[in-house]
Amino acid sequence: MTPTRCLLHISFACIVGILSLSKLINSDYNTPLNATKNSRVTIEMINPNSDDLGSLCRLPDIGAKTAQNIINYRDQCLTIQNRNLPFAEISDLSNVKGIGPKTISKIQQYITLTNIR
């Protein structure tokens, strides 16, 4: 085997090793709620009445903008309308810009609606 070919094999092995390691390291971070790990489904209930932007972004099809819309709507309900529970029913999420029936059907299994006071 020539030195050039040997160097090519070593370089390839290093690249494969680095890619495999980075995938292993990053596998637990930013895991969506519906992702599986070791054949188990990770389910964490999210409360749109109290959870923060990061938690809301973990819902399927909910990005940072829609999550912020949920928080803005929630804050508006709490301050202007003086409601104890901005989202009393799952269908109340349809009042938020960017959330329609399809999104509600995708996220409803991950939503819990409890009082925040």
Foldseek 3Di string as FASTA:
>chain_A
DDPVVVVVVVVVVVVVVVVVVVCVVCVVPLAAQQDDDPNDGRAAADELLDDDQSRQCSQPPDHSVQSVQSVVQNVCCCPVVVDQFCDPDLCSSCVGPPDDPVSSVRRVVRYDGDGDD
